[in-house]
Amino acid sequence: MVRVPLTPDEVRRGQEIGALLREARGARTLMDVAVGAGISPETLRKIETGRIPTPAFTTVAQLAAQVGLSLDAIWRSVEADPAAVDLGRVS
Protein backbone atom coordinates (compact mmCIF):
# COMPACT_ATOMS: atom_id res chain seq x y z
CA MET A 1 0.00 0.00 0.00
CA VAL A 2 1.36 3.39 -0.97
CA ARG A 3 1.13 6.11 1.65
CA VAL A 4 0.03 9.46 0.23
CA PRO A 5 2.28 12.29 1.44
CA LEU A 6 0.69 14.68 3.91
CA THR A 7 -0.23 18.13 2.74
CA PRO A 8 1.41 21.13 4.38
CA ASP A 9 -1.94 21.91 6.02
CA GLU A 10 -2.14 18.41 7.54
CA VAL A 11 1.38 18.77 8.90
CA ARG A 12 0.54 22.22 10.34
CA ARG A 13 -2.62 20.88 12.00
CA GLY A 14 -0.68 18.01 13.55
CA GLN A 15 1.90 20.41 14.95
CA GLU A 16 -0.83 22.66 16.34
CA ILE A 17 -2.68 19.76 17.97
CA GLY A 18 0.56 18.58 19.53
CA ALA A 19 1.41 22.03 20.85
CA LEU A 20 -2.11 22.49 22.24
CA LEU A 21 -1.99 19.13 24.02
CA ARG A 22 1.46 19.91 25.42
CA GLU A 23 0.27 23.28 26.72
CA ALA A 24 -2.84 21.75 28.27
CA ARG A 25 -0.75 19.03 29.94
CA GLY A 26 0.85 21.76 32.02
CA ALA A 27 2.91 20.47 34.95
CA ARG A 28 1.62 16.91 34.65
CA THR A 29 4.26 14.45 33.59
CA LEU A 30 4.29 13.02 30.12
CA MET A 31 4.20 9.55 31.70
CA ASP A 32 1.07 10.26 33.78
CA VAL A 33 -0.90 11.67 30.86
CA ALA A 34 0.22 8.96 28.43
CA VAL A 35 -0.64 6.12 30.80
CA GLY A 36 -3.99 7.72 31.61
CA ALA A 37 -4.76 7.92 27.89
CA GLY A 38 -3.65 4.34 27.27
CA ILE A 39 -0.70 5.19 25.02
CA SER A 40 3.05 5.00 25.42
CA PRO A 41 5.00 8.03 26.63
CA GLU A 42 7.01 7.92 23.38
CA THR A 43 3.81 8.14 21.33
CA LEU A 44 2.69 11.16 23.35
CA ARG A 45 6.11 12.77 22.91
CA LYS A 46 5.86 12.27 19.14
CA ILE A 47 2.35 13.74 19.04
CA GLU A 48 3.36 16.75 21.12
CA THR A 49 6.36 17.46 18.89
CA GLY A 50 4.41 17.00 15.65
CA ARG A 51 6.30 13.87 14.58
CA ILE A 52 2.94 12.07 14.45
CA PRO A 53 0.97 14.70 12.56
CA THR A 54 -2.16 12.59 12.09
CA PRO A 55 -2.83 10.71 15.34
CA ALA A 56 -5.89 8.49 15.48
CA PHE A 57 -9.12 10.19 16.52
CA THR A 58 -9.50 7.92 19.54
CA THR A 59 -5.97 8.80 20.67
CA VAL A 60 -6.72 12.52 20.43
CA ALA A 61 -10.02 11.99 22.28
CA GLN A 62 -8.31 10.06 25.08
CA LEU A 63 -5.58 12.69 25.40
CA ALA A 64 -8.13 15.51 25.37
CA ALA A 65 -10.01 13.85 28.22
CA GLN A 66 -6.78 13.47 30.20
CA VAL A 67 -5.79 17.14 29.86
CA GLY A 68 -9.29 18.58 30.17
CA LEU A 69 -9.85 19.83 26.63
CA SER A 70 -12.97 19.43 24.56
CA LEU A 71 -12.65 18.01 21.06
CA ASP A 72 -14.53 21.07 19.81
CA ALA A 73 -11.83 23.31 21.27
CA ILE A 74 -9.11 21.28 19.59
CA TRP A 75 -10.90 21.48 16.25
CA ARG A 76 -11.44 25.22 16.58
CA SER A 77 -7.78 25.72 17.46
CA VAL A 78 -6.54 24.12 14.26
CA GLU A 79 -9.11 25.76 12.01
CA ALA A 80 -9.25 29.27 13.48
CA ASP A 81 -6.93 32.14 14.15
CA PRO A 82 -4.84 30.84 17.08
CA ALA A 83 -5.09 34.20 18.87
CA ALA A 84 -8.89 33.91 18.98
CA VAL A 85 -9.15 30.42 20.47
CA ASP A 86 -11.03 29.70 23.70
CA LEU A 87 -9.56 26.44 25.00
CA GLY A 88 -12.99 25.21 26.13
CA ARG A 89 -11.63 23.33 29.11
CA VAL A 90 -13.91 20.65 30.45
CA SER A 91 -14.05 19.25 33.96
PDB file of N, CA and C in Angstrom:
ATOM      1  N   MET A   1       0.844  -1.165   0.000  1.00  0.00           N
ATOM      2  CA  MET A   1       0.000   0.000   0.000  1.00  0.00           C
ATOM      3  C   MET A   1       0.896   1.238   0.000  1.00  0.00           C
ATOM      4  N   VAL A   2       0.595   2.161  -0.863  1.00  0.00           N
ATOM      5  CA  VAL A   2       1.361   3.395  -0.967  1.00  0.00           C
ATOM      6  C   VAL A   2       0.748   4.439  -0.053  1.00  0.00           C
ATOM      7  N   ARG A   3       1.600   5.057   0.748  1.00  0.00           N
ATOM      8  CA  ARG A   3       1.132   6.109   1.650  1.00  0.00           C
ATOM      9  C   ARG A   3       1.215   7.449   0.920  1.00  0.00           C
ATOM     10  N   VAL A   4       0.096   8.155   0.878  1.00  0.00           N
ATOM     11  CA  VAL A   4       0.032   9.455   0.230  1.00  0.00           C
ATOM     12  C   VAL A   4       0.718  10.481   1.140  1.00  0.00           C
ATOM     13  N   PRO A   5       1.620  11.290   0.594  1.00  0.00           N
ATOM     14  CA  PRO A   5       2.283  12.293   1.442  1.00  0.00           C
ATOM     15  C   PRO A   5       1.270  13.267   2.038  1.00  0.00           C
ATOM     16  N   LEU A   6       1.569  13.721   3.249  1.00  0.00           N
ATOM     17  CA  LEU A   6       0.690  14.684   3.906  1.00  0.00           C
ATOM     18  C   LEU A   6       0.824  16.051   3.256  1.00  0.00           C
ATOM     19  N   THR A   7      -0.266  16.768   3.252  1.00  0.00           N
ATOM     20  CA  THR A   7      -0.231  18.130   2.740  1.00  0.00           C
ATOM     21  C   THR A   7       0.394  19.040   3.801  1.00  0.00           C
ATOM     22  N   PRO A   8       0.886  20.193   3.386  1.00  0.00           N
ATOM     23  CA  PRO A   8       1.415  21.133   4.385  1.00  0.00           C
ATOM     24  C   PRO A   8       0.380  21.499   5.448  1.00  0.00           C
ATOM     25  N   ASP A   9      -0.894  21.582   5.059  1.00  0.00           N
ATOM     26  CA  ASP A   9      -1.944  21.907   6.022  1.00  0.00           C
ATOM     27  C   ASP A   9      -2.121  20.788   7.048  1.00  0.00           C
ATOM     28  N   GLU A  10      -2.037  19.534   6.608  1.00  0.00           N
ATOM     29  CA  GLU A  10      -2.140  18.408   7.541  1.00  0.00           C
ATOM     30  C   GLU A  10      -0.970  18.405   8.526  1.00  0.00           C
ATOM     31  N   VAL A  11       0.210  18.703   8.038  1.00  0.00           N
ATOM     32  CA  VAL A  11       1.383  18.772   8.903  1.00  0.00           C
ATOM     33  C   VAL A  11       1.213  19.905   9.913  1.00  0.00           C
ATOM     34  N   ARG A  12       0.753  21.067   9.448  1.00  0.00           N
ATOM     35  CA  ARG A  12       0.538  22.216  10.341  1.00  0.00           C
ATOM     36  C   ARG A  12      -0.480  21.874  11.418  1.00  0.00           C
ATOM     37  N   ARG A  13      -1.596  21.249  11.021  1.00  0.00           N
ATOM     38  CA  ARG A  13      -2.619  20.877  12.003  1.00  0.00           C
ATOM     39  C   ARG A  13      -2.069  19.919  13.047  1.00  0.00           C
ATOM     40  N   GLY A  14      -1.273  18.949  12.612  1.00  0.00           N
ATOM     41  CA  GLY A  14      -0.676  18.008  13.549  1.00  0.00           C
ATOM     42  C   GLY A  14       0.230  18.700  14.543  1.00  0.00           C
ATOM     43  N   GLN A  15       1.015  19.650  14.068  1.00  0.00           N
ATOM     44  CA  GLN A  15       1.900  20.407  14.953  1.00  0.00           C
ATOM     45  C   GLN A  15       1.091  21.248  15.934  1.00  0.00           C
ATOM     46  N   GLU A  16       0.008  21.838  15.463  1.00  0.00           N
ATOM     47  CA  GLU A  16      -0.831  22.663  16.339  1.00  0.00           C
ATOM     48  C   GLU A  16      -1.553  21.820  17.389  1.00  0.00           C
ATOM     49  N   ILE A  17      -2.033  20.652  16.995  1.00  0.00           N
ATOM     50  CA  ILE A  17      -2.681  19.757  17.967  1.00  0.00           C
ATOM     51  C   ILE A  17      -1.675  19.343  19.028  1.00  0.00           C
ATOM     52  N   GLY A  18      -0.478  18.972  18.586  1.00  0.00           N
ATOM     53  CA  GLY A  18       0.561  18.578  19.534  1.00  0.00           C
ATOM     54  C   GLY A  18       0.911  19.687  20.505  1.00  0.00           C
ATOM     55  N   ALA A  19       1.072  20.893  19.989  1.00  0.00           N
ATOM     56  CA  ALA A  19       1.413  22.031  20.847  1.00  0.00           C
ATOM     57  C   ALA A  19       0.280  22.333  21.832  1.00  0.00           C
ATOM     58  N   LEU A  20      -0.957  22.237  21.375  1.00  0.00           N
ATOM     59  CA  LEU A  20      -2.106  22.489  22.242  1.00  0.00           C
ATOM     60  C   LEU A  20      -2.175  21.451  23.361  1.00  0.00           C
ATOM     61  N   LEU A  21      -1.968  20.183  23.005  1.00  0.00           N
ATOM     62  CA  LEU A  21      -1.995  19.135  24.025  1.00  0.00           C
ATOM     63  C   LEU A  21      -0.852  19.322  25.025  1.00  0.00           C
ATOM     64  N   ARG A  22       0.305  19.698  24.526  1.00  0.00           N
ATOM     65  CA  ARG A  22       1.456  19.914  25.422  1.00  0.00           C
ATOM     66  C   ARG A  22       1.164  21.063  26.391  1.00  0.00           C
ATOM     67  N   GLU A  23       0.611  22.145  25.870  1.00  0.00           N
ATOM     68  CA  GLU A  23       0.270  23.285  26.723  1.00  0.00           C
ATOM     69  C   GLU A  23      -0.763  22.892  27.774  1.00  0.00           C
ATOM     70  N   ALA A  24      -1.771  22.151  27.350  1.00  0.00           N
ATOM     71  CA  ALA A  24      -2.842  21.751  28.267  1.00  0.00           C
ATOM     72  C   ALA A  24      -2.340  20.749  29.312  1.00  0.00           C
ATOM     73  N   ARG A  25      -1.309  19.988  28.981  1.00  0.00           N
ATOM     74  CA  ARG A  25      -0.751  19.027  29.942  1.00  0.00           C
ATOM     75  C   ARG A  25      -0.168  19.754  31.146  1.00  0.00           C
ATOM     76  N   GLY A  26       0.338  20.953  30.927  1.00  0.00           N
ATOM     77  CA  GLY A  26       0.855  21.762  32.021  1.00  0.00           C
ATOM     78  C   GLY A  26       1.977  21.075  32.773  1.00  0.00           C
ATOM     79  N   ALA A  27       1.861  21.035  34.094  1.00  0.00           N
ATOM     80  CA  ALA A  27       2.910  20.472  34.946  1.00  0.00           C
ATOM     81  C   ALA A  27       2.809  18.954  35.083  1.00  0.00           C
ATOM     82  N   ARG A  28       1.743  18.369  34.561  1.00  0.00           N
ATOM     83  CA  ARG A  28       1.619  16.910  34.653  1.00  0.00           C
ATOM     84  C   ARG A  28       2.718  16.244  33.841  1.00  0.00           C
ATOM     85  N   THR A  29       3.181  15.124  34.314  1.00  0.00           N
ATOM     86  CA  THR A  29       4.261  14.454  33.590  1.00  0.00           C
ATOM     87  C   THR A  29       3.726  13.801  32.327  1.00  0.00           C
ATOM     88  N   LEU A  30       4.616  13.690  31.370  1.00  0.00           N
ATOM     89  CA  LEU A  30       4.290  13.023  30.119  1.00  0.00           C
ATOM     90  C   LEU A  30       3.843  11.591  30.414  1.00  0.00           C
ATOM     91  N   MET A  31       4.517  10.933  31.336  1.00  0.00           N
ATOM     92  CA  MET A  31       4.199   9.546  31.703  1.00  0.00           C
ATOM     93  C   MET A  31       2.779   9.441  32.252  1.00  0.00           C
ATOM     94  N   ASP A  32       2.405  10.325  33.170  1.00  0.00           N
ATOM     95  CA  ASP A  32       1.070  10.260  33.776  1.00  0.00           C
ATOM     96  C   ASP A  32      -0.034  10.436  32.742  1.00  0.00           C
ATOM     97  N   VAL A  33       0.131  11.416  31.862  1.00  0.00           N
ATOM     98  CA  VAL A  33      -0.903  11.673  30.859  1.00  0.00           C
ATOM     99  C   VAL A  33      -0.956  10.527  29.844  1.00  0.00           C
ATOM    100  N   ALA A  34       0.193  10.049  29.412  1.00  0.00           N
ATOM    101  CA  ALA A  34       0.222   8.961  28.434  1.00  0.00           C
ATOM    102  C   ALA A  34      -0.435   7.701  28.988  1.00  0.00           C
ATOM    103  N   VAL A  35      -0.055   7.312  30.198  1.00  0.00           N
ATOM    104  CA  VAL A  35      -0.635   6.116  30.805  1.00  0.00           C
ATOM    105  C   VAL A  35      -2.147   6.283  30.990  1.00  0.00           C
ATOM    106  N   GLY A  36      -2.564   7.457  31.434  1.00  0.00           N
ATOM    107  CA  GLY A  36      -3.989   7.720  31.607  1.00  0.00           C
ATOM    108  C   GLY A  36      -4.773   7.631  30.306  1.00  0.00           C
ATOM    109  N   ALA A  37      -4.113   7.977  29.205  1.00  0.00           N
ATOM    110  CA  ALA A  37      -4.764   7.921  27.891  1.00  0.00           C
ATOM    111  C   ALA A  37      -4.606   6.557  27.221  1.00  0.00           C
ATOM    112  N   GLY A  38      -3.824   5.683  27.834  1.00  0.00           N
ATOM    113  CA  GLY A  38      -3.651   4.344  27.272  1.00  0.00           C
ATOM    114  C   GLY A  38      -2.669   4.283  26.104  1.00  0.00           C
ATOM    115  N   ILE A  39      -1.717   5.209  26.078  1.00  0.00           N
ATOM    116  CA  ILE A  39      -0.697   5.186  25.022  1.00  0.00           C
ATOM    117  C   ILE A  39       0.675   5.228  25.675  1.00  0.00           C
ATOM    118  N   SER A  40       1.695   4.975  24.879  1.00  0.00           N
ATOM    119  CA  SER A  40       3.050   5.000  25.425  1.00  0.00           C
ATOM    120  C   SER A  40       3.534   6.446  25.558  1.00  0.00           C
ATOM    121  N   PRO A  41       4.432   6.685  26.501  1.00  0.00           N
ATOM    122  CA  PRO A  41       5.004   8.028  26.625  1.00  0.00           C
ATOM    123  C   PRO A  41       5.700   8.475  25.339  1.00  0.00           C
ATOM    124  N   GLU A  42       6.334   7.550  24.633  1.00  0.00           N
ATOM    125  CA  GLU A  42       7.012   7.918  23.379  1.00  0.00           C
ATOM    126  C   GLU A  42       5.997   8.363  22.324  1.00  0.00           C
ATOM    127  N   THR A  43       4.844   7.718  22.273  1.00  0.00           N
ATOM    128  CA  THR A  43       3.808   8.141  21.329  1.00  0.00           C
ATOM    129  C   THR A  43       3.328   9.547  21.671  1.00  0.00           C
ATOM    130  N   LEU A  44       3.110   9.817  22.947  1.00  0.00           N
ATOM    131  CA  LEU A  44       2.687  11.161  23.345  1.00  0.00           C
ATOM    132  C   LEU A  44       3.770  12.183  22.997  1.00  0.00           C
ATOM    133  N   ARG A  45       5.014  11.854  23.242  1.00  0.00           N
ATOM    134  CA  ARG A  45       6.115  12.769  22.907  1.00  0.00           C
ATOM    135  C   ARG A  45       6.107  13.080  21.405  1.00  0.00           C
ATOM    136  N   LYS A  46       5.889  12.063  20.591  1.00  0.00           N
ATOM    137  CA  LYS A  46       5.855  12.274  19.137  1.00  0.00           C
ATOM    138  C   LYS A  46       4.655  13.117  18.711  1.00  0.00           C
ATOM    139  N   ILE A  47       3.524  12.925  19.354  1.00  0.00           N
ATOM    140  CA  ILE A  47       2.347  13.740  19.041  1.00  0.00           C
ATOM    141  C   ILE A  47       2.606  15.190  19.435  1.00  0.00           C
ATOM    142  N   GLU A  48       3.121  15.395  20.643  1.00  0.00           N
ATOM    143  CA  GLU A  48       3.356  16.753  21.122  1.00  0.00           C
ATOM    144  C   GLU A  48       4.383  17.511  20.277  1.00  0.00           C
ATOM    145  N   THR A  49       5.327  16.805  19.703  1.00  0.00           N
ATOM    146  CA  THR A  49       6.356  17.462  18.890  1.00  0.00           C
ATOM    147  C   THR A  49       5.999  17.506  17.406  1.00  0.00           C
ATOM    148  N   GLY A  50       4.850  16.963  17.044  1.00  0.00           N
ATOM    149  CA  GLY A  50       4.414  16.999  15.653  1.00  0.00           C
ATOM    150  C   GLY A  50       5.005  15.909  14.779  1.00  0.00           C
ATOM    151  N   ARG A  51       5.730  14.967  15.374  1.00  0.00           N
ATOM    152  CA  ARG A  51       6.304  13.874  14.576  1.00  0.00           C
ATOM    153  C   ARG A  51       5.259  12.831  14.212  1.00  0.00           C
ATOM    154  N   ILE A  52       4.115  12.852  14.875  1.00  0.00           N
ATOM    155  CA  ILE A  52       2.942  12.072  14.449  1.00  0.00           C
ATOM    156  C   ILE A  52       1.879  13.117  14.132  1.00  0.00           C
ATOM    157  N   PRO A  53       1.862  13.602  12.891  1.00  0.00           N
ATOM    158  CA  PRO A  53       0.967  14.703  12.562  1.00  0.00           C
ATOM    159  C   PRO A  53      -0.500  14.304  12.395  1.00  0.00           C
ATOM    160  N   THR A  54      -0.767  13.023  12.251  1.00  0.00           N
ATOM    161  CA  THR A  54      -2.158  12.588  12.092  1.00  0.00           C
ATOM    162  C   THR A  54      -2.474  11.456  13.073  1.00  0.00           C
ATOM    163  N   PRO A  55      -2.491  11.763  14.373  1.00  0.00           N
ATOM    164  CA  PRO A  55      -2.827  10.711  15.342  1.00  0.00           C
ATOM    165  C   PRO A  55      -4.269  10.259  15.161  1.00  0.00           C
ATOM    166  N   ALA A  56      -4.536   9.044  15.574  1.00  0.00           N
ATOM    167  CA  ALA A  56      -5.891   8.493  15.476  1.00  0.00           C
ATOM    168  C   ALA A  56      -6.864   9.334  16.300  1.00  0.00           C
ATOM    169  N   PHE A  57      -8.088   9.414  15.820  1.00  0.00           N
ATOM    170  CA  PHE A  57      -9.116  10.186  16.515  1.00  0.00           C
ATOM    171  C   PHE A  57      -9.271   9.731  17.963  1.00  0.00           C
ATOM    172  N   THR A  58      -9.311   8.410  18.175  1.00  0.00           N
ATOM    173  CA  THR A  58      -9.496   7.917  19.538  1.00  0.00           C
ATOM    174  C   THR A  58      -8.326   8.319  20.439  1.00  0.00           C
ATOM    175  N   THR A  59      -7.130   8.373  19.884  1.00  0.00           N
ATOM    176  CA  THR A  59      -5.973   8.801  20.665  1.00  0.00           C
ATOM    177  C   THR A  59      -6.120  10.258  21.067  1.00  0.00           C
ATOM    178  N   VAL A  60      -6.518  11.095  20.126  1.00  0.00           N
ATOM    179  CA  VAL A  60      -6.721  12.516  20.428  1.00  0.00           C
ATOM    180  C   VAL A  60      -7.837  12.669  21.466  1.00  0.00           C
ATOM    181  N   ALA A  61      -8.905  11.903  21.320  1.00  0.00           N
ATOM    182  CA  ALA A  61     -10.017  11.985  22.276  1.00  0.00           C
ATOM    183  C   ALA A  61      -9.571  11.571  23.672  1.00  0.00           C
ATOM    184  N   GLN A  62      -8.790  10.505  23.778  1.00  0.00           N
ATOM    185  CA  GLN A  62      -8.305  10.055  25.083  1.00  0.00           C
ATOM    186  C   GLN A  62      -7.367  11.088  25.703  1.00  0.00           C
ATOM    187  N   LEU A  63      -6.490  11.663  24.904  1.00  0.00           N
ATOM    188  CA  LEU A  63      -5.581  12.689  25.404  1.00  0.00           C
ATOM    189  C   LEU A  63      -6.348  13.942  25.830  1.00  0.00           C
ATOM    190  N   ALA A  64      -7.324  14.336  25.033  1.00  0.00           N
ATOM    191  CA  ALA A  64      -8.126  15.508  25.373  1.00  0.00           C
ATOM    192  C   ALA A  64      -8.810  15.315  26.726  1.00  0.00           C
ATOM    193  N   ALA A  65      -9.355  14.135  26.945  1.00  0.00           N
ATOM    194  CA  ALA A  65     -10.011  13.852  28.222  1.00  0.00           C
ATOM    195  C   ALA A  65      -9.010  13.931  29.370  1.00  0.00           C
ATOM    196  N   GLN A  66      -7.803  13.457  29.154  1.00  0.00           N
ATOM    197  CA  GLN A  66      -6.777  13.473  30.203  1.00  0.00           C
ATOM    198  C   GLN A  66      -6.341  14.884  30.576  1.00  0.00           C
ATOM    199  N   VAL A  67      -6.296  15.775  29.595  1.00  0.00           N
ATOM    200  CA  VAL A  67      -5.793  17.137  29.863  1.00  0.00           C
ATOM    201  C   VAL A  67      -6.917  18.155  30.023  1.00  0.00           C
ATOM    202  N   GLY A  68      -8.164  17.700  29.923  1.00  0.00           N
ATOM    203  CA  GLY A  68      -9.293  18.584  30.171  1.00  0.00           C
ATOM    204  C   GLY A  68      -9.668  19.500  29.025  1.00  0.00           C
ATOM    205  N   LEU A  69      -9.444  19.045  27.800  1.00  0.00           N
ATOM    206  CA  LEU A  69      -9.849  19.827  26.627  1.00  0.00           C
ATOM    207  C   LEU A  69     -11.036  19.171  25.945  1.00  0.00           C
ATOM    208  N   SER A  70     -11.882  19.991  25.354  1.00  0.00           N
ATOM    209  CA  SER A  70     -12.966  19.432  24.556  1.00  0.00           C
ATOM    210  C   SER A  70     -12.460  19.206  23.134  1.00  0.00           C
ATOM    211  N   LEU A  71     -13.026  18.252  22.457  1.00  0.00           N
ATOM    212  CA  LEU A  71     -12.652  18.014  21.058  1.00  0.00           C
ATOM    213  C   LEU A  71     -13.045  19.204  20.186  1.00  0.00           C
ATOM    214  N   ASP A  72     -14.138  19.871  20.551  1.00  0.00           N
ATOM    215  CA  ASP A  72     -14.526  21.074  19.811  1.00  0.00           C
ATOM    216  C   ASP A  72     -13.450  22.142  19.902  1.00  0.00           C
ATOM    217  N   ALA A  73     -12.885  22.307  21.082  1.00  0.00           N
ATOM    218  CA  ALA A  73     -11.832  23.314  21.266  1.00  0.00           C
ATOM    219  C   ALA A  73     -10.599  22.966  20.443  1.00  0.00           C
ATOM    220  N   ILE A  74     -10.258  21.692  20.400  1.00  0.00           N
ATOM    221  CA  ILE A  74      -9.106  21.280  19.587  1.00  0.00           C
ATOM    222  C   ILE A  74      -9.381  21.571  18.121  1.00  0.00           C
ATOM    223  N   TRP A  75     -10.557  21.224  17.661  1.00  0.00           N
ATOM    224  CA  TRP A  75     -10.897  21.480  16.251  1.00  0.00           C
ATOM    225  C   TRP A  75     -10.854  22.969  15.936  1.00  0.00           C
ATOM    226  N   ARG A  76     -11.456  23.768  16.809  1.00  0.00           N
ATOM    227  CA  ARG A  76     -11.437  25.220  16.583  1.00  0.00           C
ATOM    228  C   ARG A  76     -10.009  25.758  16.555  1.00  0.00           C
ATOM    229  N   SER A  77      -9.156  25.207  17.383  1.00  0.00           N
ATOM    230  CA  SER A  77      -7.783  25.724  17.457  1.00  0.00           C
ATOM    231  C   SER A  77      -6.998  25.465  16.181  1.00  0.00           C
ATOM    232  N   VAL A  78      -7.295  24.409  15.484  1.00  0.00           N
ATOM    233  CA  VAL A  78      -6.538  24.121  14.256  1.00  0.00           C
ATOM    234  C   VAL A  78      -7.199  24.719  13.023  1.00  0.00           C
ATOM    235  N   GLU A  79      -8.406  25.183  13.154  1.00  0.00           N
ATOM    236  CA  GLU A  79      -9.107  25.758  12.012  1.00  0.00           C
ATOM    237  C   GLU A  79      -9.261  27.266  12.103  1.00  0.00           C
ATOM    238  N   ALA A  80      -9.012  27.831  13.267  1.00  0.00           N
ATOM    239  CA  ALA A  80      -9.245  29.267  13.476  1.00  0.00           C
ATOM    240  C   ALA A  80      -7.929  30.005  13.671  1.00  0.00           C
ATOM    241  N   ASP A  81      -8.057  31.294  13.798  1.00  0.00           N
ATOM    242  CA  ASP A  81      -6.927  32.141  14.155  1.00  0.00           C
ATOM    243  C   ASP A  81      -6.500  31.758  15.572  1.00  0.00           C
ATOM    244  N   PRO A  82      -5.261  31.295  15.763  1.00  0.00           N
ATOM    245  CA  PRO A  82      -4.836  30.838  17.080  1.00  0.00           C
ATOM    246  C   PRO A  82      -5.002  31.886  18.184  1.00  0.00           C
ATOM    247  N   ALA A  83      -4.946  33.150  17.859  1.00  0.00           N
ATOM    248  CA  ALA A  83      -5.087  34.201  18.869  1.00  0.00           C
ATOM    249  C   ALA A  83      -6.533  34.308  19.373  1.00  0.00           C
ATOM    250  N   ALA A  84      -7.479  33.773  18.623  1.00  0.00           N
ATOM    251  CA  ALA A  84      -8.889  33.913  18.979  1.00  0.00           C
ATOM    252  C   ALA A  84      -9.479  32.668  19.617  1.00  0.00           C
ATOM    253  N   VAL A  85      -8.649  31.695  20.001  1.00  0.00           N
ATOM    254  CA  VAL A  85      -9.147  30.424  20.470  1.00  0.00           C
ATOM    255  C   VAL A  85      -9.452  30.455  21.969  1.00  0.00           C
ATOM    256  N   ASP A  86     -10.652  29.955  22.311  1.00  0.00           N
ATOM    257  CA  ASP A  86     -11.026  29.705  23.702  1.00  0.00           C
ATOM    258  C   ASP A  86     -10.789  28.219  23.909  1.00  0.00           C
ATOM    259  N   LEU A  87      -9.939  27.847  24.852  1.00  0.00           N
ATOM    260  CA  LEU A  87      -9.558  26.442  25.002  1.00  0.00           C
ATOM    261  C   LEU A  87     -10.706  25.524  25.399  1.00  0.00           C
ATOM    262  N   GLY A  88     -11.822  26.052  25.839  1.00  0.00           N
ATOM    263  CA  GLY A  88     -12.991  25.213  26.130  1.00  0.00           C
ATOM    264  C   GLY A  88     -12.679  24.084  27.079  1.00  0.00           C
ATOM    265  N   ARG A  89     -11.989  24.374  28.144  1.00  0.00           N
ATOM    266  CA  ARG A  89     -11.627  23.334  29.105  1.00  0.00           C
ATOM    267  C   ARG A  89     -12.890  22.694  29.678  1.00  0.00           C
ATOM    268  N   VAL A  90     -12.802  21.392  29.873  1.00  0.00           N
ATOM    269  CA  VAL A  90     -13.915  20.649  30.445  1.00  0.00           C
ATOM    270  C   VAL A  90     -13.457  20.082  31.785  1.00  0.00           C
ATOM    271  N   SER A  91     -14.428  19.808  32.646  1.00  0.00           N
ATOM    272  CA  SER A  91     -14.047  19.247  33.961  1.00  0.00           C
ATOM    273  C   SER A  91     -14.342  17.785  34.040  1.00  0.00           C
TER     274      SER A  91
END
